[in-house]
Amino acid sequence: MHKPLLVTDFLDRAREYYGDEEAVVATTGERYTYDELGDRADRLSAALAARGIRKGDRVAVLDPNTHYHLEAAYAIFQLGAVHTPLNYRLTPDDFEYILSDAGVDAVIADHEYAEKIEAVRDSVPTEVFISNDAEQTESEARRASDASSGQPRDGDWEDFEAVIAESDPDYHRPEMAEDEVITINYTSGTTGDPKGVMRTHRTETLHAYLISIHQELRDDDVYLWTLPMFHVNGWGHLYAVTGMGATHVCTRGVDAAEIFETVAAEDVSYLCCAPTVLNRLVDYFDEHGPETRGDNDVRVATAGSAPPEATIRAVEEEFGWYLKHVYGATETGPLITTSDARRLLPKGEERFALKKRQGIPYLGTEVAVVDEDGEAVPRDDSTIGEIVVRGNQVMEGYWEKPDATDEAFSDRREGWYHTGDLAVVDDKGMLAIQDRKKDIIVSGGENISSIELEDTLFEHEKVADVAVIPAPSDEWGETPKAFVVPDSGDSDAAGVSTEELREFVRDRVASYKAVRRVEFVEELPTTATGKIQKYELREEEWDEQDRMVGEG
């Protein structure tokens, strides 16, 4: 029997079986049941249809982790339109490119970020503009236009609450097929323009099934939205948490004090945090000693660069949380591997070293580490290759970029998505990323892992955060340079010298890998998900050079 896999099934199931149960704890103080969440989504579906939105049209959502984003996403899905979430940390120029590239027909924007859309709205094809606080949005737009001596608009933003209040919940849901594109997630565009990753009903549904299993989602879970909903649809939790009938606890940003307070007050059982966010939580805990849980046990998922062992130890032993280290990319679902392979992990302190590895593939997912010829590298934990993947959660392709799609699936191994991440594999098949292709440091012909050096520096008590990049060297072509955020928070009073940190690393790694340069900084550039943007550091460091040896 074949039943189409559709993302609308997730809210449909929650409404049928959990209609009276709490679905959402809103940032505005309201609490909504699944029946109420569904009714609000229905009304928005009808309102969007009345404004000309049809199946296949792209609708952008620019919003932090509020209930408005949840409602908008399902309203879009129910029309068969294409949910196009936007990273709220981008610039107006970025939004102009994305809205034009995707041919976006409507924008639903949070009042705090809508002025970025306002700045480019005359240059994009979008005609429908809805905000969760239209009056404030228009006021901000007027101030912006006054400042630039322009003429303010009047009434160009419709108010979200007014739109749904005036709308009937009846709408027409069109026939949909599982191979139709239902969401486009734009990559961060660290090199060149952002690319729109197309994902179908099928890829989203199967990925949600996989995280429901591997992240152990239950209907009594209370999920705290610290991970941006725009980021690959919140790693699939937009779907899976809803479909399971669990509770969404919304946020407007990441603040360590608020996270601990909310975890305790709302009995949160599950959240996701980038390693940089975990570090912030550890620092706050060390200074303030807050409650770390309510009535529920807590598990936390982390991804991105591997967290230091010290961070994993603090989260598990001091917070009392269970940590799952996962890995993936926007193009792969995202999640494709997990270190939460409990039968493969040793007991005691040794487990922390293995937990920081990216681990083994999710069910139904094939992951390989291959050499230049596409052959699997030996499981010797030292031979480096590129991670390639194939599975039902991998993207359909890049929006209107067939050549880029072709390249992503045909480099070392035909038909597999090439991640650009370099890794080794141990005798149990557990992956450990060594670097991004562009982050590997080529010094005197030797490959040096920036991640290994970062992990080493993280062990120093005076280091709060660190990023290592290749820096130009007349002698070696490239040499490792560390940008260190000191534990003191003051780059002028770090409490440790650059020479002490260089010596600390020299004592712990092979001599050719040692960090040659150290610079103290107040903060590191990061994405909205907390991932360090090394390319910004590289661009500044190599500004006066013709090219980078490793082309980082």
Protein backbone atom coordinates (compact mmCIF):
# COMPACT_ATOMS: atom_id res chain seq x y z
CA MET A 1 0.00 0.00 0.00
CA HIS A 2 1.28 3.46 -0.86
CA LYS A 3 0.19 6.50 1.15
CA PRO A 4 1.71 9.86 0.20
CA LEU A 5 4.00 11.34 2.83
CA LEU A 6 2.77 14.91 3.41
CA VAL A 7 3.93 17.45 6.01
CA THR A 8 0.32 18.43 6.66
CA ASP A 9 -0.08 15.03 8.35
CA PHE A 10 1.83 16.22 11.42
CA LEU A 11 -0.61 18.92 12.53
CA ASP A 12 -3.57 16.83 11.36
CA ARG A 13 -2.53 14.03 13.71
CA ALA A 14 -1.93 16.36 16.64
CA ARG A 15 -5.35 17.97 16.22
CA GLU A 16 -7.15 14.64 16.00
CA TYR A 17 -5.59 13.02 19.06
CA TYR A 18 -4.18 15.89 21.15
CA GLY A 19 -6.65 18.67 20.37
CA ASP A 20 -7.26 19.61 24.01
CA GLU A 21 -3.60 19.30 25.02
CA GLU A 22 -1.22 22.22 25.28
CA ALA A 23 0.60 22.76 22.00
CA VAL A 24 2.38 26.08 22.38
CA VAL A 25 3.68 28.30 25.15
CA ALA A 26 3.93 31.66 23.35
CA THR A 27 6.46 34.41 23.95
CA THR A 28 3.52 36.79 24.39
CA GLY A 29 2.20 34.84 27.38
CA GLU A 30 -0.66 32.96 25.71
CA ARG A 31 -0.94 29.19 25.75
CA TYR A 32 -2.59 27.40 22.85
CA THR A 33 -3.97 23.89 22.54
CA TYR A 34 -3.55 21.95 19.31
CA ASP A 35 -7.16 22.74 18.42
CA GLU A 36 -6.41 26.45 18.86
CA LEU A 37 -3.12 26.25 16.97
CA GLY A 38 -4.90 24.46 14.13
CA ASP A 39 -7.72 27.00 14.02
CA ARG A 40 -5.27 29.89 13.77
CA ALA A 41 -3.37 28.09 10.98
CA ASP A 42 -6.65 27.43 9.12
CA ARG A 43 -7.63 31.09 9.30
CA LEU A 44 -4.25 32.18 8.00
CA SER A 45 -4.48 29.61 5.19
CA ALA A 46 -7.83 31.10 4.17
CA ALA A 47 -6.48 34.65 4.44
CA LEU A 48 -3.44 33.87 2.29
CA ALA A 49 -5.67 32.19 -0.30
CA ALA A 50 -7.89 35.28 -0.35
CA ARG A 51 -4.78 37.32 -1.12
CA GLY A 52 -3.95 35.19 -4.12
CA ILE A 53 -1.56 32.61 -2.66
CA ARG A 54 -1.87 29.31 -4.49
CA LYS A 55 -0.17 25.92 -4.52
CA GLY A 56 3.49 26.29 -5.46
CA ASP A 57 3.74 29.98 -4.53
CA ARG A 58 6.60 30.89 -2.22
CA VAL A 59 5.78 32.50 1.13
CA ALA A 60 8.67 33.78 3.25
CA VAL A 61 8.62 33.82 7.05
CA LEU A 62 11.01 36.15 8.89
CA ASP A 63 10.52 35.47 12.55
CA PRO A 64 12.34 34.36 15.69
CA ASN A 65 11.00 31.31 17.47
CA THR A 66 7.46 32.52 18.12
CA HIS A 67 4.05 30.90 17.76
CA TYR A 68 3.51 33.10 14.71
CA HIS A 69 6.16 31.13 12.85
CA LEU A 70 4.56 27.80 13.73
CA GLU A 71 1.14 29.03 12.61
CA ALA A 72 2.50 30.56 9.42
CA ALA A 73 4.42 27.43 8.45
CA TYR A 74 1.40 25.14 8.71
CA ALA A 75 -0.87 27.71 7.04
CA ILE A 76 1.55 27.71 4.10
CA PHE A 77 1.82 23.90 4.00
CA GLN A 78 -1.98 23.51 3.99
CA LEU A 79 -2.19 25.52 0.76
CA GLY A 80 0.55 23.49 -0.89
CA ALA A 81 2.58 26.72 -1.02
CA VAL A 82 6.33 26.70 -0.36
CA HIS A 83 7.51 27.73 3.10
CA THR A 84 10.64 29.89 2.69
CA PRO A 85 12.03 30.71 6.15
CA LEU A 86 14.52 33.58 6.37
CA ASN A 87 17.53 34.00 8.63
CA TYR A 88 16.74 37.11 10.68
CA ARG A 89 20.43 38.00 11.00
CA LEU A 90 20.82 38.68 7.28
CA THR A 91 21.06 42.14 5.76
CA PRO A 92 18.46 43.89 3.56
CA ASP A 93 20.66 43.13 0.52
CA ASP A 94 20.57 39.43 1.43
CA PHE A 95 16.79 39.55 1.69
CA GLU A 96 16.53 41.34 -1.65
CA TYR A 97 18.52 38.54 -3.28
CA ILE A 98 16.57 35.70 -1.64
CA LEU A 99 13.10 37.18 -2.18
CA SER A 100 13.93 37.81 -5.84
CA ASP A 101 15.72 34.50 -6.39
CA ALA A 102 12.80 32.49 -4.97
CA GLY A 103 10.15 34.75 -6.51
CA VAL A 104 8.49 35.16 -3.11
CA ASP A 105 4.81 36.20 -3.31
CA ALA A 106 4.18 37.01 0.37
CA VAL A 107 6.21 37.83 3.47
CA ILE A 108 5.15 37.23 7.07
CA ALA A 109 7.60 39.14 9.25
CA ASP A 110 8.13 39.80 12.92
CA HIS A 111 7.95 43.52 13.75
CA GLU A 112 11.52 43.50 15.04
CA TYR A 113 12.93 42.50 11.63
CA ALA A 114 10.34 43.79 9.15
CA GLU A 115 12.18 47.05 8.55
CA LYS A 116 14.89 45.03 6.77
CA ILE A 117 12.23 43.93 4.28
CA GLU A 118 10.83 47.44 4.10
CA ALA A 119 14.24 48.69 2.98
CA VAL A 120 14.12 46.59 -0.22
CA ARG A 121 10.42 46.04 -0.88
CA ASP A 122 10.42 48.17 -4.04
CA SER A 123 13.05 45.84 -5.52
CA VAL A 124 11.38 42.48 -4.86
CA PRO A 125 8.40 40.71 -6.48
CA THR A 126 6.50 40.34 -3.19
CA GLU A 127 3.03 41.90 -2.93
CA VAL A 128 1.62 40.65 0.39
CA PHE A 129 3.19 41.89 3.65
CA ILE A 130 1.94 40.72 7.06
CA SER A 131 3.48 41.51 10.45
CA ASN A 132 2.68 40.40 13.99
CA ASP A 133 2.61 44.08 15.00
CA ALA A 134 1.77 46.10 11.90
CA GLU A 135 1.48 49.39 13.77
CA GLN A 136 4.97 49.07 15.22
CA THR A 137 6.33 47.82 11.90
CA GLU A 138 4.94 50.82 10.04
CA SER A 139 6.20 53.18 12.74
CA GLU A 140 9.71 51.75 12.36
CA ALA A 141 9.41 52.00 8.58
CA ARG A 142 8.38 55.67 8.85
CA ARG A 143 11.34 56.44 11.10
CA ALA A 144 13.67 54.70 8.64
CA SER A 145 12.24 56.55 5.65
CA ASP A 146 12.27 59.89 7.51
CA ALA A 147 15.91 59.35 8.30
CA SER A 148 16.65 58.86 4.60
CA SER A 149 14.36 61.76 3.56
CA GLY A 150 12.03 59.34 1.83
CA GLN A 151 8.25 59.28 1.92
CA PRO A 152 6.75 56.88 4.46
CA ARG A 153 4.15 54.36 3.38
CA ASP A 154 0.79 54.11 5.06
CA GLY A 155 -1.02 50.85 5.64
CA ASP A 156 1.38 48.63 3.68
CA TRP A 157 1.72 46.04 6.45
CA GLU A 158 -1.30 44.02 7.53
CA ASP A 159 -1.58 42.95 11.14
CA PHE A 160 -1.31 39.19 11.73
CA GLU A 161 -3.95 39.08 14.48
CA ALA A 162 -6.36 41.23 12.49
CA VAL A 163 -5.86 39.08 9.40
CA ILE A 164 -6.80 35.85 11.16
CA ALA A 165 -9.58 37.44 13.23
CA GLU A 166 -11.28 38.66 10.05
CA SER A 167 -10.82 35.36 8.24
CA ASP A 168 -13.08 32.31 8.20
CA PRO A 169 -11.28 29.04 9.05
CA ASP A 170 -12.63 27.33 5.91
CA TYR A 171 -10.07 27.01 3.12
CA HIS A 172 -9.47 24.69 0.18
CA ARG A 173 -6.62 22.22 0.64
CA PRO A 174 -5.38 21.17 -2.82
CA GLU A 175 -4.22 17.70 -3.82
CA MET A 176 -0.55 17.31 -3.02
CA ALA A 177 2.10 14.75 -3.94
CA GLU A 178 5.00 13.70 -1.75
CA ASP A 179 7.61 14.59 -4.38
CA GLU A 180 6.50 18.24 -4.59
CA VAL A 181 8.72 20.93 -3.07
CA ILE A 182 7.19 22.27 0.15
CA THR A 183 10.05 24.29 1.63
CA ILE A 184 13.15 26.13 0.45
CA ASN A 185 15.91 26.72 2.99
CA TYR A 186 18.61 29.15 1.94
CA THR A 187 22.18 28.33 2.88
CA SER A 188 24.23 30.94 4.68
CA GLY A 189 26.05 31.99 1.53
CA THR A 190 29.53 32.13 3.08
CA THR A 191 30.95 31.88 -0.44
CA GLY A 192 28.96 33.55 -3.21
CA ASP A 193 25.22 34.05 -3.14
CA PRO A 194 23.03 31.86 -0.90
CA LYS A 195 21.57 28.77 -2.53
CA GLY A 196 17.99 27.65 -2.00
CA VAL A 197 17.86 24.05 -0.78
CA MET A 198 14.67 22.44 -2.08
CA ARG A 199 12.97 19.92 0.19
CA THR A 200 9.89 17.90 -0.60
CA HIS A 201 7.03 16.56 1.53
CA ARG A 202 8.82 13.21 1.40
CA THR A 203 12.26 14.40 2.50
CA GLU A 204 10.82 16.48 5.34
CA THR A 205 8.53 13.70 6.53
CA LEU A 206 11.17 10.98 6.55
CA HIS A 207 13.66 13.23 8.29
CA ALA A 208 11.05 14.00 10.96
CA TYR A 209 10.46 10.28 11.43
CA LEU A 210 14.20 9.75 11.88
CA ILE A 211 14.65 12.45 14.50
CA SER A 212 11.57 11.17 16.34
CA ILE A 213 13.43 7.88 16.74
CA HIS A 214 16.99 9.05 17.33
CA GLN A 215 16.09 12.07 19.46
CA GLU A 216 13.59 9.88 21.36
CA LEU A 217 10.63 12.23 20.98
CA ARG A 218 7.50 11.46 23.01
CA ASP A 219 4.07 13.02 23.33
CA ASP A 220 4.86 14.24 26.86
CA ASP A 221 8.03 16.06 25.77
CA VAL A 222 8.33 19.79 26.42
CA TYR A 223 10.58 21.20 23.71
CA LEU A 224 12.35 24.56 24.21
CA TRP A 225 12.99 26.45 20.96
CA THR A 226 16.58 27.64 21.37
CA LEU A 227 17.40 26.45 17.84
CA PRO A 228 16.13 28.88 15.15
CA MET A 229 12.97 27.69 13.42
CA PHE A 230 14.35 29.07 10.15
CA HIS A 231 17.39 26.76 10.34
CA VAL A 232 16.41 23.78 8.17
CA ASN A 233 12.95 24.13 9.67
CA GLY A 234 14.45 23.78 13.12
CA TRP A 235 16.19 20.47 12.35
CA GLY A 236 12.80 18.95 11.62
CA HIS A 237 11.37 19.71 15.06
CA LEU A 238 8.78 21.96 13.43
CA TYR A 239 7.25 18.71 12.18
CA ALA A 240 8.25 16.01 14.65
CA VAL A 241 7.36 17.82 17.90
CA THR A 242 3.99 18.74 16.39
CA GLY A 243 3.24 15.29 15.01
CA MET A 244 4.06 13.64 18.34
CA GLY A 245 1.62 15.96 20.12
CA ALA A 246 4.36 17.37 22.36
CA THR A 247 4.62 20.97 23.62
CA HIS A 248 6.49 23.81 21.88
CA VAL A 249 7.95 26.44 24.23
CA CYS A 250 8.75 29.50 22.10
CA THR A 251 11.51 32.08 22.56
CA ARG A 252 12.68 35.34 21.02
CA GLY A 253 16.39 34.70 21.37
CA VAL A 254 19.08 32.84 23.27
CA ASP A 255 19.85 34.09 26.77
CA ALA A 256 21.53 31.79 29.30
CA ALA A 257 19.55 33.03 32.31
CA GLU A 258 16.23 32.73 30.47
CA ILE A 259 17.07 29.23 29.23
CA PHE A 260 17.72 27.94 32.75
CA GLU A 261 14.65 29.75 34.12
CA THR A 262 12.41 28.34 31.38
CA VAL A 263 13.77 24.81 31.65
CA ALA A 264 12.89 24.81 35.36
CA ALA A 265 9.58 26.70 35.13
CA GLU A 266 8.14 24.81 32.13
CA ASP A 267 9.58 21.38 32.99
CA VAL A 268 11.45 21.35 29.67
CA SER A 269 12.64 17.89 28.70
CA TYR A 270 14.43 18.56 25.41
CA LEU A 271 16.29 21.40 23.70
CA CYS A 272 18.98 21.95 21.07
CA CYS A 273 22.07 24.12 21.55
CA ALA A 274 25.07 24.89 19.38
CA PRO A 275 28.41 24.29 21.16
CA THR A 276 28.83 28.05 21.61
CA VAL A 277 25.46 28.21 23.38
CA LEU A 278 26.44 25.29 25.61
CA ASN A 279 29.60 27.19 26.53
CA ARG A 280 27.50 30.23 27.50
CA LEU A 281 25.32 28.01 29.67
CA VAL A 282 28.37 26.49 31.36
CA ASP A 283 29.81 29.95 32.08
CA TYR A 284 26.48 31.17 33.49
CA PHE A 285 26.11 28.03 35.61
CA ASP A 286 29.62 28.41 37.02
CA GLU A 287 28.91 32.01 38.01
CA HIS A 288 25.28 31.80 39.19
CA GLY A 289 24.50 28.13 39.96
CA PRO A 290 20.89 28.16 38.66
CA GLU A 291 18.41 25.30 38.77
CA THR A 292 19.05 23.13 35.71
CA ARG A 293 15.77 21.20 35.47
CA GLY A 294 12.15 21.07 36.50
CA ASP A 295 10.19 17.87 37.00
CA ASN A 296 11.45 16.27 33.78
CA ASP A 297 14.80 14.76 32.92
CA VAL A 298 16.53 16.89 30.28
CA ARG A 299 18.31 15.87 27.11
CA VAL A 300 20.07 18.31 24.81
CA ALA A 301 21.19 17.92 21.21
CA THR A 302 24.19 19.80 19.86
CA ALA A 303 25.63 20.07 16.37
CA GLY A 304 28.10 22.18 14.42
CA SER A 305 31.73 21.93 15.47
CA ALA A 306 32.23 19.31 18.14
CA PRO A 307 31.88 20.65 21.69
CA PRO A 308 35.00 20.36 23.87
CA GLU A 309 35.09 17.37 26.19
CA ALA A 310 35.03 19.75 29.14
CA THR A 311 31.72 21.17 27.92
CA ILE A 312 30.16 17.72 27.48
CA ARG A 313 31.37 16.76 30.96
CA ALA A 314 29.87 19.89 32.52
CA VAL A 315 26.52 19.43 30.76
CA GLU A 316 26.18 15.82 31.85
CA GLU A 317 27.80 15.83 35.28
CA GLU A 318 26.95 19.34 36.55
CA PHE A 319 23.68 20.13 34.77
CA GLY A 320 22.48 16.52 34.93
CA TRP A 321 21.40 16.66 31.26
CA TYR A 322 21.94 13.89 28.71
CA LEU A 323 23.82 15.16 25.64
CA LYS A 324 23.33 13.90 22.09
CA HIS A 325 25.91 15.07 19.55
CA VAL A 326 24.46 15.03 16.03
CA TYR A 327 25.69 16.09 12.62
CA GLY A 328 24.39 17.15 9.24
CA ALA A 329 23.99 20.01 6.78
CA THR A 330 21.17 22.10 5.31
CA GLU A 331 21.33 19.92 2.19
CA THR A 332 21.05 16.65 4.12
CA GLY A 333 17.92 17.11 6.10
CA PRO A 334 19.93 18.13 8.14
CA LEU A 335 20.67 15.32 10.61
CA ILE A 336 22.46 12.22 9.32
CA THR A 337 24.67 10.93 12.18
CA THR A 338 24.63 10.67 15.96
CA SER A 339 27.18 9.90 18.66
CA ASP A 340 24.34 8.55 20.81
CA ALA A 341 25.31 4.95 20.10
CA ARG A 342 25.19 3.74 23.67
CA ARG A 343 26.39 0.18 23.09
CA LEU A 344 29.49 1.58 21.37
CA LEU A 345 30.32 4.08 24.11
CA PRO A 346 32.52 3.06 27.05
CA LYS A 347 31.43 3.70 30.61
CA GLY A 348 32.94 6.42 32.75
CA GLU A 349 35.12 9.33 31.69
CA GLU A 350 36.16 7.75 28.38
CA ARG A 351 32.67 8.26 26.97
CA PHE A 352 33.21 12.02 26.67
CA ALA A 353 35.94 11.60 24.05
CA LEU A 354 33.66 9.42 21.92
CA LYS A 355 30.57 11.56 22.48
CA LYS A 356 32.27 14.46 20.76
CA ARG A 357 32.62 12.40 17.57
CA GLN A 358 29.95 12.81 14.92
CA GLY A 359 29.18 9.10 15.31
CA ILE A 360 27.28 6.64 13.15
CA PRO A 361 24.52 7.15 10.55
CA TYR A 362 20.83 7.49 11.29
CA LEU A 363 18.53 4.67 10.23
CA GLY A 364 18.14 4.39 6.45
CA THR A 365 21.08 6.70 5.88
CA GLU A 366 24.34 5.78 4.15
CA VAL A 367 27.36 7.83 5.15
CA ALA A 368 30.88 7.22 3.86
CA VAL A 369 34.26 8.89 4.20
CA VAL A 370 35.99 8.68 0.84
CA ASP A 371 39.31 9.54 -0.76
CA GLU A 372 39.84 11.50 -3.97
CA ASP A 373 38.86 8.43 -6.02
CA GLY A 374 35.60 7.91 -4.13
CA GLU A 375 36.89 4.86 -2.25
CA ALA A 376 36.18 4.44 1.46
CA VAL A 377 39.15 5.33 3.65
CA PRO A 378 40.38 2.64 6.08
CA ARG A 379 38.93 2.57 9.58
CA ASP A 380 42.25 3.53 11.13
CA ASP A 381 41.16 6.81 12.75
CA SER A 382 43.91 8.68 10.90
CA THR A 383 43.25 8.62 7.14
CA ILE A 384 41.29 11.73 6.18
CA GLY A 385 38.55 11.73 3.54
CA GLU A 386 35.43 13.68 2.62
CA ILE A 387 32.05 12.80 4.10
CA VAL A 388 29.47 11.86 1.47
CA VAL A 389 25.88 10.81 2.15
CA ARG A 390 22.77 9.44 0.55
CA GLY A 391 19.39 8.94 2.19
CA ASN A 392 15.72 9.79 1.92
CA GLN A 393 16.21 13.00 3.88
CA VAL A 394 18.75 14.49 1.45
CA MET A 395 17.64 17.53 -0.57
CA GLU A 396 15.96 17.47 -3.96
CA GLY A 397 18.51 20.00 -5.24
CA TYR A 398 19.25 23.72 -5.31
CA TRP A 399 16.48 26.05 -6.44
CA GLU A 400 17.02 26.91 -10.12
CA LYS A 401 20.71 25.97 -9.91
CA PRO A 402 21.09 22.68 -11.83
CA ASP A 403 24.86 23.04 -12.28
CA ALA A 404 25.46 23.53 -8.56
CA THR A 405 23.18 20.56 -7.85
CA ASP A 406 25.11 18.43 -10.32
CA GLU A 407 28.41 19.35 -8.75
CA ALA A 408 27.19 18.58 -5.23
CA PHE A 409 26.24 15.03 -6.22
CA SER A 410 29.01 14.05 -8.63
CA ASP A 411 32.49 14.91 -7.35
CA ARG A 412 34.18 11.96 -5.63
CA ARG A 413 31.28 9.50 -5.67
CA GLU A 414 28.42 9.76 -8.16
CA GLY A 415 24.92 10.15 -6.73
CA TRP A 416 26.06 10.95 -3.18
CA TYR A 417 25.85 14.42 -1.63
CA HIS A 418 29.32 15.80 -0.90
CA THR A 419 29.39 17.67 2.41
CA GLY A 420 32.79 19.33 2.12
CA ASP A 421 33.62 18.05 5.62
CA LEU A 422 36.82 16.08 6.13
CA ALA A 423 36.78 13.22 8.63
CA VAL A 424 38.39 10.03 9.88
CA VAL A 425 36.67 6.78 10.90
CA ASP A 426 37.54 4.53 13.83
CA ASP A 427 37.34 0.73 14.01
CA LYS A 428 33.68 0.91 15.11
CA GLY A 429 32.72 3.08 12.14
CA MET A 430 32.31 6.26 14.20
CA LEU A 431 33.09 9.44 12.27
CA ALA A 432 35.14 12.32 13.65
CA ILE A 433 35.31 15.51 11.60
CA GLN A 434 38.78 16.95 11.27
CA ASP A 435 37.86 20.09 9.34
CA ARG A 436 35.95 21.69 6.53
CA LYS A 437 37.78 21.49 3.21
CA LYS A 438 38.21 25.25 3.35
CA ASP A 439 39.32 25.25 7.01
CA ILE A 440 42.12 22.71 6.76
CA ILE A 441 45.47 24.44 7.29
CA VAL A 442 48.20 23.54 4.77
CA SER A 443 51.48 24.48 6.43
CA GLY A 444 54.74 23.46 4.75
CA GLY A 445 52.83 20.80 2.83
CA GLU A 446 51.35 19.27 6.00
CA ASN A 447 47.59 19.23 6.67
CA ILE A 448 46.68 20.58 10.11
CA SER A 449 43.21 20.31 11.64
CA SER A 450 41.95 23.60 13.05
CA ILE A 451 39.44 21.63 15.14
CA GLU A 452 42.21 19.70 16.91
CA LEU A 453 43.91 22.95 17.84
CA GLU A 454 40.64 24.52 19.01
CA ASP A 455 39.91 21.50 21.19
CA THR A 456 43.36 21.77 22.72
CA LEU A 457 43.00 25.47 23.50
CA PHE A 458 39.54 24.91 24.97
CA GLU A 459 41.18 22.83 27.68
CA HIS A 460 42.94 25.93 29.03
CA GLU A 461 40.99 27.44 31.92
CA LYS A 462 41.44 31.00 30.65
CA VAL A 463 39.92 30.29 27.21
CA ALA A 464 36.17 30.90 26.87
CA ASP A 465 35.94 30.52 23.08
CA VAL A 466 38.34 30.09 20.20
CA ALA A 467 38.59 29.84 16.43
CA VAL A 468 41.71 28.73 14.57
CA ILE A 469 42.27 29.66 10.94
CA PRO A 470 45.13 29.55 8.42
CA ALA A 471 47.15 32.79 8.44
CA PRO A 472 49.67 33.80 5.75
CA SER A 473 53.29 32.82 6.37
CA ASP A 474 56.33 33.69 4.22
CA GLU A 475 58.11 30.57 5.46
CA TRP A 476 55.33 27.96 5.47
CA GLY A 477 52.68 29.41 3.15
CA GLU A 478 50.11 29.11 5.94
CA THR A 479 50.40 28.87 9.67
CA PRO A 480 47.78 28.31 12.40
CA LYS A 481 46.43 31.43 14.09
CA ALA A 482 44.06 31.37 17.06
CA PHE A 483 41.47 34.03 17.83
CA VAL A 484 40.78 33.62 21.54
CA VAL A 485 37.93 35.02 23.62
CA PRO A 486 39.42 35.08 27.14
CA ASP A 487 37.50 33.85 30.13
CA SER A 488 37.73 37.37 31.58
CA GLY A 489 35.76 38.74 28.63
CA ASP A 490 38.35 41.50 28.26
CA SER A 491 40.77 41.17 25.35
CA ASP A 492 43.10 43.72 27.00
CA ALA A 493 43.20 41.83 30.30
CA ALA A 494 43.05 38.18 29.28
CA GLY A 495 44.68 36.80 32.42
CA VAL A 496 47.04 34.74 30.25
CA SER A 497 49.70 35.67 27.70
CA THR A 498 49.80 34.68 24.06
CA GLU A 499 53.11 32.91 24.69
CA GLU A 500 51.57 30.87 27.54
CA LEU A 501 48.80 29.68 25.20
CA ARG A 502 51.28 28.83 22.44
CA GLU A 503 53.33 26.84 24.94
CA PHE A 504 50.16 25.12 26.23
CA VAL A 505 49.41 23.87 22.72
CA ARG A 506 53.03 22.93 21.92
CA ASP A 507 53.06 20.61 24.94
CA ARG A 508 50.01 18.73 23.64
CA VAL A 509 50.27 18.38 19.85
CA ALA A 510 52.89 17.48 17.26
CA SER A 511 55.38 20.30 16.80
CA TYR A 512 54.42 21.05 13.20
CA LYS A 513 50.79 21.62 14.28
CA ALA A 514 51.52 24.16 16.99
CA VAL A 515 49.69 27.48 16.98
CA ARG A 516 52.15 30.17 15.90
CA ARG A 517 49.98 33.25 16.46
CA VAL A 518 47.35 34.17 19.04
CA GLU A 519 45.06 37.20 19.05
CA PHE A 520 42.67 38.04 21.89
CA VAL A 521 39.21 39.27 20.84
CA GLU A 522 36.02 40.30 22.66
CA GLU A 523 33.83 37.98 20.58
CA LEU A 524 33.83 35.76 17.50
CA PRO A 525 31.54 36.28 14.49
CA THR A 526 28.73 33.72 14.57
CA THR A 527 25.62 32.73 12.65
CA ALA A 528 22.15 32.79 14.26
CA THR A 529 22.64 29.15 15.21
CA GLY A 530 25.88 29.92 17.05
CA LYS A 531 28.23 28.54 14.40
CA ILE A 532 31.47 30.49 14.20
CA GLN A 533 31.88 32.23 10.83
CA LYS A 534 35.54 31.58 10.20
CA TYR A 535 35.33 32.98 6.70
CA GLU A 536 35.04 36.49 8.16
CA LEU A 537 38.25 35.96 10.11
CA ARG A 538 39.97 34.47 7.06
CA GLU A 539 38.92 37.32 4.78
CA GLU A 540 40.34 39.89 7.19
CA GLU A 541 43.55 37.95 7.74
CA TRP A 542 44.18 37.40 4.01
CA ASP A 543 42.92 40.79 2.82
CA GLU A 544 46.23 41.86 1.30
CA GLN A 545 47.20 38.45 -0.12
CA ASP A 546 46.66 37.30 -3.72
CA ARG A 547 45.43 33.85 -2.71
CA MET A 548 45.33 31.43 0.19
CA VAL A 549 47.57 28.36 0.03
CA GLY A 550 44.78 26.05 1.14
CA GLU A 551 42.16 28.22 -0.56
CA GLY A 552 40.38 28.59 2.77
